Amino acid sequence: MVPTSVILSPKSYTVVEVEYLESLQDESEKTSTLEQQLGLPVSVRSDDTDIVVVKELVPNPCPICHHPLKFLRELIERFENEESNLIRCPLGHRYSGILKVYHLNIFQRSENAETQQKITECPKCHRHNIQYLGPTEMFCLDCDWDSGMVARYRV
C-alpha cells in the first residue's frame, strides 16, 4: 500500500499547519510547506475530508516468480495511465492485476475508549487493586476476577 494524497477540511488543515510550524526549530525551515514535509499532495475540501488516499496493486508479489513489486508509486501511476490491466514485475513477468483504493480516516477515535470508564474497584472483592493489561483487559490482584479475558496458552 502506498499513500498517494491527503485530503483535509479547512479546520483540520489549519490545526495541522499550526502544529507543523510550532514544531520547526529553525526560522529558515518555516518556508517549507506541509506538502514538502509529508511528501504527498495535500488538498483542502469541505466534503469527504480528513482522509489519506492509499492505493495498492493486487496481486503483490508476482504470482509467477513471487518477487515483491518495487517502485510502487511509479507502477501505480503507470497502471492508472495505461489502458491495460497488466502489471510488470521486477523480473519482467506480466500478469493481470487490479488497483485497490482505500480512504483511511486520519483522526480516527476509538469509541470504546471514550465511553468506557476506568474501573478502580474490583466488582467481586471491592478492593482497589486492579491491574490493567490494555484498554479493556484487566484483572484483580487480590481475587480471581478478570474482565473476561480468554487464556491464550494452557498449561
Foldseek 3Di string as FASTA:
>chain_A
DAFAAAEAEPVVVVVVLVVVCVPDDDPVVNVDDPCVVVVHYYYYDHPPHQWTKDKDKPPAPDPPPRHGAPPVVVQVVVCVPDPAQWGAGPVGDIDGIDMDIDIGHNPDDDPCLVPDDDDQADPPPRDRAKDDPDSQWIAHPPDGDINPDDDPDDD
